[in-house]
Amino acid sequence: MRSPGEFAAGAIPGAVNIPVDELRDRLADVPEGELVVHCAVGLRGHIAARILAAHGRRARNLDGGYRTWTAGTASGAAQTA
């Protein structure tokens, strides 16, 4: 849900980037299954989760976005599955 420049500057491993303003036109590109969406801080992720829900998809927004994730990994708090 981030801009191409934001995504190029850093991304969560395994993330697929579809900017929120392209989401409605690219729903076929959205991976199957339950989704966790994120942007830089949460607003675009919230919008994306609502768009996806309106199209019958299960999606949650990562509260605080990429900034929160990077802060967690820097502190050693985040773990990968």
PDB file of N, CA and C in Angstrom:
ATOM      1  N   MET A   1       0.817  -1.174   0.000  1.00  0.00           N
ATOM      2  CA  MET A   1       0.000   0.000   0.000  1.00  0.00           C
ATOM      3  C   MET A   1       0.872   1.254   0.000  1.00  0.00           C
ATOM      4  N   ARG A   2       2.162   1.030  -0.050  1.00  0.00           N
ATOM      5  CA  ARG A   2       3.119   2.137  -0.037  1.00  0.00           C
ATOM      6  C   ARG A   2       3.461   2.550  -1.456  1.00  0.00           C
ATOM      7  N   SER A   3       4.052   3.721  -1.568  1.00  0.00           N
ATOM      8  CA  SER A   3       4.471   4.189  -2.892  1.00  0.00           C
ATOM      9  C   SER A   3       5.654   3.339  -3.356  1.00  0.00           C
ATOM     10  N   PRO A   4       5.900   3.293  -4.665  1.00  0.00           N
ATOM     11  CA  PRO A   4       7.061   2.537  -5.144  1.00  0.00           C
ATOM     12  C   PRO A   4       8.373   3.008  -4.514  1.00  0.00           C
ATOM     13  N   GLY A   5       8.520   4.301  -4.291  1.00  0.00           N
ATOM     14  CA  GLY A   5       9.730   4.821  -3.659  1.00  0.00           C
ATOM     15  C   GLY A   5       9.878   4.360  -2.223  1.00  0.00           C
ATOM     16  N   GLU A   6       8.780   4.368  -1.466  1.00  0.00           N
ATOM     17  CA  GLU A   6       8.812   3.878  -0.084  1.00  0.00           C
ATOM     18  C   GLU A   6       9.198   2.400  -0.059  1.00  0.00           C
ATOM     19  N   PHE A   7       8.588   1.627  -0.948  1.00  0.00           N
ATOM     20  CA  PHE A   7       8.848   0.192  -0.991  1.00  0.00           C
ATOM     21  C   PHE A   7      10.297  -0.096  -1.369  1.00  0.00           C
ATOM     22  N   ALA A   8      10.832   0.658  -2.321  1.00  0.00           N
ATOM     23  CA  ALA A   8      12.221   0.472  -2.744  1.00  0.00           C
ATOM     24  C   ALA A   8      13.200   0.801  -1.621  1.00  0.00           C
ATOM     25  N   ALA A   9      12.821   1.723  -0.740  1.00  0.00           N
ATOM     26  CA  ALA A   9      13.696   2.130   0.360  1.00  0.00           C
ATOM     27  C   ALA A   9      13.758   1.086   1.471  1.00  0.00           C
ATOM     28  N   GLY A  10      12.804   0.174   1.500  1.00  0.00           N
ATOM     29  CA  GLY A  10      12.786  -0.870   2.509  1.00  0.00           C
ATOM     30  C   GLY A  10      11.428  -1.526   2.556  1.00  0.00           C
ATOM     31  N   ALA A  11      11.421  -2.839   2.812  1.00  0.00           N
ATOM     32  CA  ALA A  11      10.158  -3.573   2.815  1.00  0.00           C
ATOM     33  C   ALA A  11      10.211  -4.730   3.799  1.00  0.00           C
ATOM     34  N   ILE A  12       9.062  -5.128   4.275  1.00  0.00           N
ATOM     35  CA  ILE A  12       8.938  -6.317   5.108  1.00  0.00           C
ATOM     36  C   ILE A  12       9.179  -7.527   4.203  1.00  0.00           C
ATOM     37  N   PRO A  13      10.026  -8.470   4.615  1.00  0.00           N
ATOM     38  CA  PRO A  13      10.291  -9.640   3.770  1.00  0.00           C
ATOM     39  C   PRO A  13       8.996 -10.348   3.360  1.00  0.00           C
ATOM     40  N   GLY A  14       8.894 -10.647   2.076  1.00  0.00           N
ATOM     41  CA  GLY A  14       7.722 -11.331   1.549  1.00  0.00           C
ATOM     42  C   GLY A  14       6.577 -10.416   1.158  1.00  0.00           C
ATOM     43  N   ALA A  15       6.732  -9.121   1.414  1.00  0.00           N
ATOM     44  CA  ALA A  15       5.657  -8.175   1.102  1.00  0.00           C
ATOM     45  C   ALA A  15       5.487  -8.024  -0.404  1.00  0.00           C
ATOM     46  N   VAL A  16       4.243  -7.852  -0.815  1.00  0.00           N
ATOM     47  CA  VAL A  16       3.885  -7.544  -2.198  1.00  0.00           C
ATOM     48  C   VAL A  16       3.343  -6.133  -2.179  1.00  0.00           C
ATOM     49  N   ASN A  17       3.893  -5.257  -2.998  1.00  0.00           N
ATOM     50  CA  ASN A  17       3.465  -3.855  -2.965  1.00  0.00           C
ATOM     51  C   ASN A  17       2.462  -3.556  -4.072  1.00  0.00           C
ATOM     52  N   ILE A  18       1.292  -3.090  -3.652  1.00  0.00           N
ATOM     53  CA  ILE A  18       0.285  -2.556  -4.563  1.00  0.00           C
ATOM     54  C   ILE A  18      -0.129  -1.219  -3.962  1.00  0.00           C
ATOM     55  N   PRO A  19       0.295  -0.113  -4.544  1.00  0.00           N
ATOM     56  CA  PRO A  19      -0.090   1.188  -3.991  1.00  0.00           C
ATOM     57  C   PRO A  19      -1.610   1.298  -3.857  1.00  0.00           C
ATOM     58  N   VAL A  20      -2.066   1.891  -2.775  1.00  0.00           N
ATOM     59  CA  VAL A  20      -3.500   1.925  -2.481  1.00  0.00           C
ATOM     60  C   VAL A  20      -4.304   2.575  -3.601  1.00  0.00           C
ATOM     61  N   ASP A  21      -3.732   3.541  -4.296  1.00  0.00           N
ATOM     62  CA  ASP A  21      -4.483   4.184  -5.376  1.00  0.00           C
ATOM     63  C   ASP A  21      -4.624   3.283  -6.603  1.00  0.00           C
ATOM     64  N   GLU A  22      -3.916   2.156  -6.639  1.00  0.00           N
ATOM     65  CA  GLU A  22      -4.032   1.187  -7.729  1.00  0.00           C
ATOM     66  C   GLU A  22      -4.813  -0.060  -7.318  1.00  0.00           C
ATOM     67  N   LEU A  23      -5.166  -0.163  -6.041  1.00  0.00           N
ATOM     68  CA  LEU A  23      -5.709  -1.405  -5.499  1.00  0.00           C
ATOM     69  C   LEU A  23      -6.978  -1.865  -6.210  1.00  0.00           C
ATOM     70  N   ARG A  24      -7.935  -0.985  -6.403  1.00  0.00           N
ATOM     71  CA  ARG A  24      -9.198  -1.391  -7.037  1.00  0.00           C
ATOM     72  C   ARG A  24      -8.971  -1.978  -8.433  1.00  0.00           C
ATOM     73  N   ASP A  25      -8.001  -1.451  -9.157  1.00  0.00           N
ATOM     74  CA  ASP A  25      -7.715  -1.936 -10.507  1.00  0.00           C
ATOM     75  C   ASP A  25      -6.838  -3.184 -10.517  1.00  0.00           C
ATOM     76  N   ARG A  26      -6.243  -3.506  -9.372  1.00  0.00           N
ATOM     77  CA  ARG A  26      -5.295  -4.626  -9.324  1.00  0.00           C
ATOM     78  C   ARG A  26      -5.710  -5.713  -8.334  1.00  0.00           C
ATOM     79  N   LEU A  27      -7.003  -5.831  -8.066  1.00  0.00           N
ATOM     80  CA  LEU A  27      -7.466  -6.836  -7.110  1.00  0.00           C
ATOM     81  C   LEU A  27      -7.035  -8.249  -7.507  1.00  0.00           C
ATOM     82  N   ALA A  28      -6.921  -8.511  -8.796  1.00  0.00           N
ATOM     83  CA  ALA A  28      -6.483  -9.836  -9.252  1.00  0.00           C
ATOM     84  C   ALA A  28      -5.033 -10.121  -8.862  1.00  0.00           C
ATOM     85  N   ASP A  29      -4.257  -9.082  -8.572  1.00  0.00           N
ATOM     86  CA  ASP A  29      -2.855  -9.249  -8.175  1.00  0.00           C
ATOM     87  C   ASP A  29      -2.688  -9.502  -6.679  1.00  0.00           C
ATOM     88  N   VAL A  30      -3.770  -9.367  -5.923  1.00  0.00           N
ATOM     89  CA  VAL A  30      -3.703  -9.529  -4.470  1.00  0.00           C
ATOM     90  C   VAL A  30      -3.622 -11.022  -4.150  1.00  0.00           C
ATOM     91  N   PRO A  31      -2.637 -11.429  -3.349  1.00  0.00           N
ATOM     92  CA  PRO A  31      -2.514 -12.849  -2.997  1.00  0.00           C
ATOM     93  C   PRO A  31      -3.771 -13.377  -2.299  1.00  0.00           C
ATOM     94  N   GLU A  32      -4.020 -14.666  -2.442  1.00  0.00           N
ATOM     95  CA  GLU A  32      -5.158 -15.314  -1.793  1.00  0.00           C
ATOM     96  C   GLU A  32      -4.910 -15.441  -0.291  1.00  0.00           C
ATOM     97  N   GLY A  33      -5.974 -15.708   0.451  1.00  0.00           N
ATOM     98  CA  GLY A  33      -5.883 -15.947   1.883  1.00  0.00           C
ATOM     99  C   GLY A  33      -6.037 -14.679   2.698  1.00  0.00           C
ATOM    100  N   GLU A  34      -5.896 -14.839   4.016  1.00  0.00           N
ATOM    101  CA  GLU A  34      -5.993 -13.695   4.916  1.00  0.00           C
ATOM    102  C   GLU A  34      -4.766 -12.819   4.730  1.00  0.00           C
ATOM    103  N   LEU A  35      -4.991 -11.521   4.731  1.00  0.00           N
ATOM    104  CA  LEU A  35      -3.924 -10.564   4.449  1.00  0.00           C
ATOM    105  C   LEU A  35      -3.668  -9.641   5.628  1.00  0.00           C
ATOM    106  N   VAL A  36      -2.432  -9.231   5.757  1.00  0.00           N
ATOM    107  CA  VAL A  36      -2.063  -8.131   6.644  1.00  0.00           C
ATOM    108  C   VAL A  36      -1.508  -7.057   5.726  1.00  0.00           C
ATOM    109  N   VAL A  37      -2.183  -5.916   5.693  1.00  0.00           N
ATOM    110  CA  VAL A  37      -1.748  -4.820   4.830  1.00  0.00           C
ATOM    111  C   VAL A  37      -1.075  -3.754   5.680  1.00  0.00           C
ATOM    112  N   HIS A  38      -0.208  -2.993   5.041  1.00  0.00           N
ATOM    113  CA  HIS A  38       0.459  -1.915   5.770  1.00  0.00           C
ATOM    114  C   HIS A  38       0.888  -0.825   4.805  1.00  0.00           C
ATOM    115  N   CYS A  39       1.080   0.337   5.376  1.00  0.00           N
ATOM    116  CA  CYS A  39       1.655   1.468   4.647  1.00  0.00           C
ATOM    117  C   CYS A  39       2.782   1.991   5.535  1.00  0.00           C
ATOM    118  N   ALA A  40       3.067   3.273   5.466  1.00  0.00           N
ATOM    119  CA  ALA A  40       4.139   3.816   6.306  1.00  0.00           C
ATOM    120  C   ALA A  40       3.718   3.883   7.773  1.00  0.00           C
ATOM    121  N   VAL A  41       2.524   4.427   8.039  1.00  0.00           N
ATOM    122  CA  VAL A  41       2.096   4.599   9.428  1.00  0.00           C
ATOM    123  C   VAL A  41       0.700   4.068   9.733  1.00  0.00           C
ATOM    124  N   GLY A  42      -0.091   3.721   8.729  1.00  0.00           N
ATOM    125  CA  GLY A  42      -1.380   3.094   9.003  1.00  0.00           C
ATOM    126  C   GLY A  42      -2.592   3.601   8.253  1.00  0.00           C
ATOM    127  N   LEU A  43      -2.604   4.845   7.791  1.00  0.00           N
ATOM    128  CA  LEU A  43      -3.808   5.390   7.157  1.00  0.00           C
ATOM    129  C   LEU A  43      -4.116   4.699   5.832  1.00  0.00           C
ATOM    130  N   ARG A  44      -3.143   4.611   4.949  1.00  0.00           N
ATOM    131  CA  ARG A  44      -3.390   3.952   3.657  1.00  0.00           C
ATOM    132  C   ARG A  44      -3.672   2.464   3.853  1.00  0.00           C
ATOM    133  N   GLY A  45      -3.035   1.858   4.835  1.00  0.00           N
ATOM    134  CA  GLY A  45      -3.316   0.458   5.144  1.00  0.00           C
ATOM    135  C   GLY A  45      -4.752   0.269   5.595  1.00  0.00           C
ATOM    136  N   HIS A  46      -5.251   1.200   6.403  1.00  0.00           N
ATOM    137  CA  HIS A  46      -6.643   1.149   6.858  1.00  0.00           C
ATOM    138  C   HIS A  46      -7.586   1.243   5.664  1.00  0.00           C
ATOM    139  N   ILE A  47      -7.316   2.178   4.770  1.00  0.00           N
ATOM    140  CA  ILE A  47      -8.143   2.340   3.570  1.00  0.00           C
ATOM    141  C   ILE A  47      -8.097   1.062   2.731  1.00  0.00           C
ATOM    142  N   ALA A  48      -6.913   0.501   2.554  1.00  0.00           N
ATOM    143  CA  ALA A  48      -6.765  -0.722   1.766  1.00  0.00           C
ATOM    144  C   ALA A  48      -7.536  -1.883   2.388  1.00  0.00           C
ATOM    145  N   ALA A  49      -7.467  -2.029   3.699  1.00  0.00           N
ATOM    146  CA  ALA A  49      -8.199  -3.106   4.372  1.00  0.00           C
ATOM    147  C   ALA A  49      -9.696  -2.964   4.137  1.00  0.00           C
ATOM    148  N   ARG A  50     -10.190  -1.742   4.148  1.00  0.00           N
ATOM    149  CA  ARG A  50     -11.622  -1.508   3.893  1.00  0.00           C
ATOM    150  C   ARG A  50     -11.986  -1.830   2.449  1.00  0.00           C
ATOM    151  N   ILE A  51     -11.140  -1.441   1.510  1.00  0.00           N
ATOM    152  CA  ILE A  51     -11.393  -1.763   0.098  1.00  0.00           C
ATOM    153  C   ILE A  51     -11.431  -3.281  -0.082  1.00  0.00           C
ATOM    154  N   LEU A  52     -10.464  -3.960   0.486  1.00  0.00           N
ATOM    155  CA  LEU A  52     -10.412  -5.415   0.357  1.00  0.00           C
ATOM    156  C   LEU A  52     -11.630  -6.070   0.995  1.00  0.00           C
ATOM    157  N   ALA A  53     -12.032  -5.606   2.166  1.00  0.00           N
ATOM    158  CA  ALA A  53     -13.221  -6.153   2.831  1.00  0.00           C
ATOM    159  C   ALA A  53     -14.468  -5.951   1.978  1.00  0.00           C
ATOM    160  N   ALA A  54     -14.565  -4.804   1.326  1.00  0.00           N
ATOM    161  CA  ALA A  54     -15.713  -4.524   0.459  1.00  0.00           C
ATOM    162  C   ALA A  54     -15.767  -5.487  -0.726  1.00  0.00           C
ATOM    163  N   HIS A  55     -14.634  -6.099  -1.049  1.00  0.00           N
ATOM    164  CA  HIS A  55     -14.567  -7.068  -2.142  1.00  0.00           C
ATOM    165  C   HIS A  55     -14.483  -8.505  -1.617  1.00  0.00           C
ATOM    166  N   GLY A  56     -14.892  -8.695  -0.371  1.00  0.00           N
ATOM    167  CA  GLY A  56     -14.981 -10.031   0.197  1.00  0.00           C
ATOM    168  C   GLY A  56     -13.678 -10.650   0.647  1.00  0.00           C
ATOM    169  N   ARG A  57     -12.634  -9.851   0.800  1.00  0.00           N
ATOM    170  CA  ARG A  57     -11.335 -10.365   1.218  1.00  0.00           C
ATOM    171  C   ARG A  57     -11.124 -10.121   2.706  1.00  0.00           C
ATOM    172  N   ARG A  58     -10.427 -11.037   3.360  1.00  0.00           N
ATOM    173  CA  ARG A  58     -10.099 -10.879   4.777  1.00  0.00           C
ATOM    174  C   ARG A  58      -8.759 -10.171   4.875  1.00  0.00           C
ATOM    175  N   ALA A  59      -8.773  -8.982   5.451  1.00  0.00           N
ATOM    176  CA  ALA A  59      -7.539  -8.199   5.558  1.00  0.00           C
ATOM    177  C   ALA A  59      -7.530  -7.426   6.866  1.00  0.00           C
ATOM    178  N   ARG A  60      -6.364  -7.389   7.469  1.00  0.00           N
ATOM    179  CA  ARG A  60      -6.149  -6.580   8.667  1.00  0.00           C
ATOM    180  C   ARG A  60      -5.045  -5.580   8.371  1.00  0.00           C
ATOM    181  N   ASN A  61      -5.124  -4.438   9.018  1.00  0.00           N
ATOM    182  CA  ASN A  61      -4.119  -3.395   8.864  1.00  0.00           C
ATOM    183  C   ASN A  61      -3.080  -3.525   9.969  1.00  0.00           C
ATOM    184  N   LEU A  62      -1.818  -3.453   9.616  1.00  0.00           N
ATOM    185  CA  LEU A  62      -0.741  -3.440  10.607  1.00  0.00           C
ATOM    186  C   LEU A  62      -0.728  -2.060  11.250  1.00  0.00           C
ATOM    187  N   ASP A  63      -1.232  -1.986  12.462  1.00  0.00           N
ATOM    188  CA  ASP A  63      -1.333  -0.706  13.169  1.00  0.00           C
ATOM    189  C   ASP A  63       0.049  -0.085  13.330  1.00  0.00           C
ATOM    190  N   GLY A  64       0.203   1.133  12.864  1.00  0.00           N
ATOM    191  CA  GLY A  64       1.488   1.816  12.936  1.00  0.00           C
ATOM    192  C   GLY A  64       2.349   1.601  11.708  1.00  0.00           C
ATOM    193  N   GLY A  65       1.939   0.677  10.844  1.00  0.00           N
ATOM    194  CA  GLY A  65       2.581   0.481   9.553  1.00  0.00           C
ATOM    195  C   GLY A  65       4.035   0.035   9.606  1.00  0.00           C
ATOM    196  N   TYR A  66       4.723   0.333   8.519  1.00  0.00           N
ATOM    197  CA  TYR A  66       6.121  -0.074   8.349  1.00  0.00           C
ATOM    198  C   TYR A  66       7.015   0.524   9.432  1.00  0.00           C
ATOM    199  N   ARG A  67       6.709   1.718   9.866  1.00  0.00           N
ATOM    200  CA  ARG A  67       7.536   2.339  10.923  1.00  0.00           C
ATOM    201  C   ARG A  67       7.501   1.519  12.197  1.00  0.00           C
ATOM    202  N   THR A  68       6.319   1.039  12.575  1.00  0.00           N
ATOM    203  CA  THR A  68       6.210   0.219  13.777  1.00  0.00           C
ATOM    204  C   THR A  68       6.953  -1.101  13.591  1.00  0.00           C
ATOM    205  N   TRP A  69       6.812  -1.707  12.411  1.00  0.00           N
ATOM    206  CA  TRP A  69       7.506  -2.964  12.146  1.00  0.00           C
ATOM    207  C   TRP A  69       9.017  -2.774  12.233  1.00  0.00           C
ATOM    208  N   THR A  70       9.548  -1.706  11.618  1.00  0.00           N
ATOM    209  CA  THR A  70      10.997  -1.496  11.663  1.00  0.00           C
ATOM    210  C   THR A  70      11.468  -1.193  13.078  1.00  0.00           C
ATOM    211  N   ALA A  71      10.663  -0.478  13.848  1.00  0.00           N
ATOM    212  CA  ALA A  71      11.034  -0.210  15.239  1.00  0.00           C
ATOM    213  C   ALA A  71      11.088  -1.514  16.032  1.00  0.00           C
ATOM    214  N   GLY A  72      10.158  -2.414  15.766  1.00  0.00           N
ATOM    215  CA  GLY A  72      10.138  -3.707  16.449  1.00  0.00           C
ATOM    216  C   GLY A  72      11.313  -4.578  16.071  1.00  0.00           C
ATOM    217  N   THR A  73      11.693  -4.574  14.798  1.00  0.00           N
ATOM    218  CA  THR A  73      12.829  -5.400  14.385  1.00  0.00           C
ATOM    219  C   THR A  73      14.133  -4.817  14.900  1.00  0.00           C
ATOM    220  N   ALA A  74      14.216  -3.489  14.980  1.00  0.00           N
ATOM    221  CA  ALA A  74      15.430  -2.852  15.499  1.00  0.00           C
ATOM    222  C   ALA A  74      15.625  -3.177  16.975  1.00  0.00           C
ATOM    223  N   SER A  75      14.509  -3.312  17.710  1.00  0.00           N
ATOM    224  CA  SER A  75      14.609  -3.607  19.137  1.00  0.00           C
ATOM    225  C   SER A  75      14.701  -5.106  19.403  1.00  0.00           C
ATOM    226  N   GLY A  76      14.555  -5.910  18.336  1.00  0.00           N
ATOM    227  CA  GLY A  76      14.590  -7.358  18.508  1.00  0.00           C
ATOM    228  C   GLY A  76      13.253  -7.938  18.914  1.00  0.00           C
ATOM    229  N   ALA A  77      12.199  -7.128  18.915  1.00  0.00           N
ATOM    230  CA  ALA A  77      10.884  -7.585  19.358  1.00  0.00           C
ATOM    231  C   ALA A  77      10.176  -8.443  18.325  1.00  0.00           C
ATOM    232  N   ALA A  78      10.410  -8.205  17.050  1.00  0.00           N
ATOM    233  CA  ALA A  78       9.693  -8.940  15.997  1.00  0.00           C
ATOM    234  C   ALA A  78      10.358 -10.284  15.744  1.00  0.00           C
ATOM    235  N   GLN A  79       9.539 -11.268  15.451  1.00  0.00           N
ATOM    236  CA  GLN A  79      10.036 -12.585  15.093  1.00  0.00           C
ATOM    237  C   GLN A  79       9.370 -12.994  13.797  1.00  0.00           C
ATOM    238  N   THR A  80      10.066 -13.772  13.000  1.00  0.00           N
ATOM    239  CA  THR A  80       9.475 -14.246  11.754  1.00  0.00           C
ATOM    240  C   THR A  80       8.907 -15.634  11.951  1.00  0.00           C
ATOM    241  N   ALA A  81       7.913 -15.957  11.148  1.00  0.00           N
ATOM    242  CA  ALA A  81       7.277 -17.278  11.252  1.00  0.00           C
ATOM    243  C   ALA A  81       8.044 -18.296  10.449  1.00  0.00           C
TER     244      ALA A  81
END
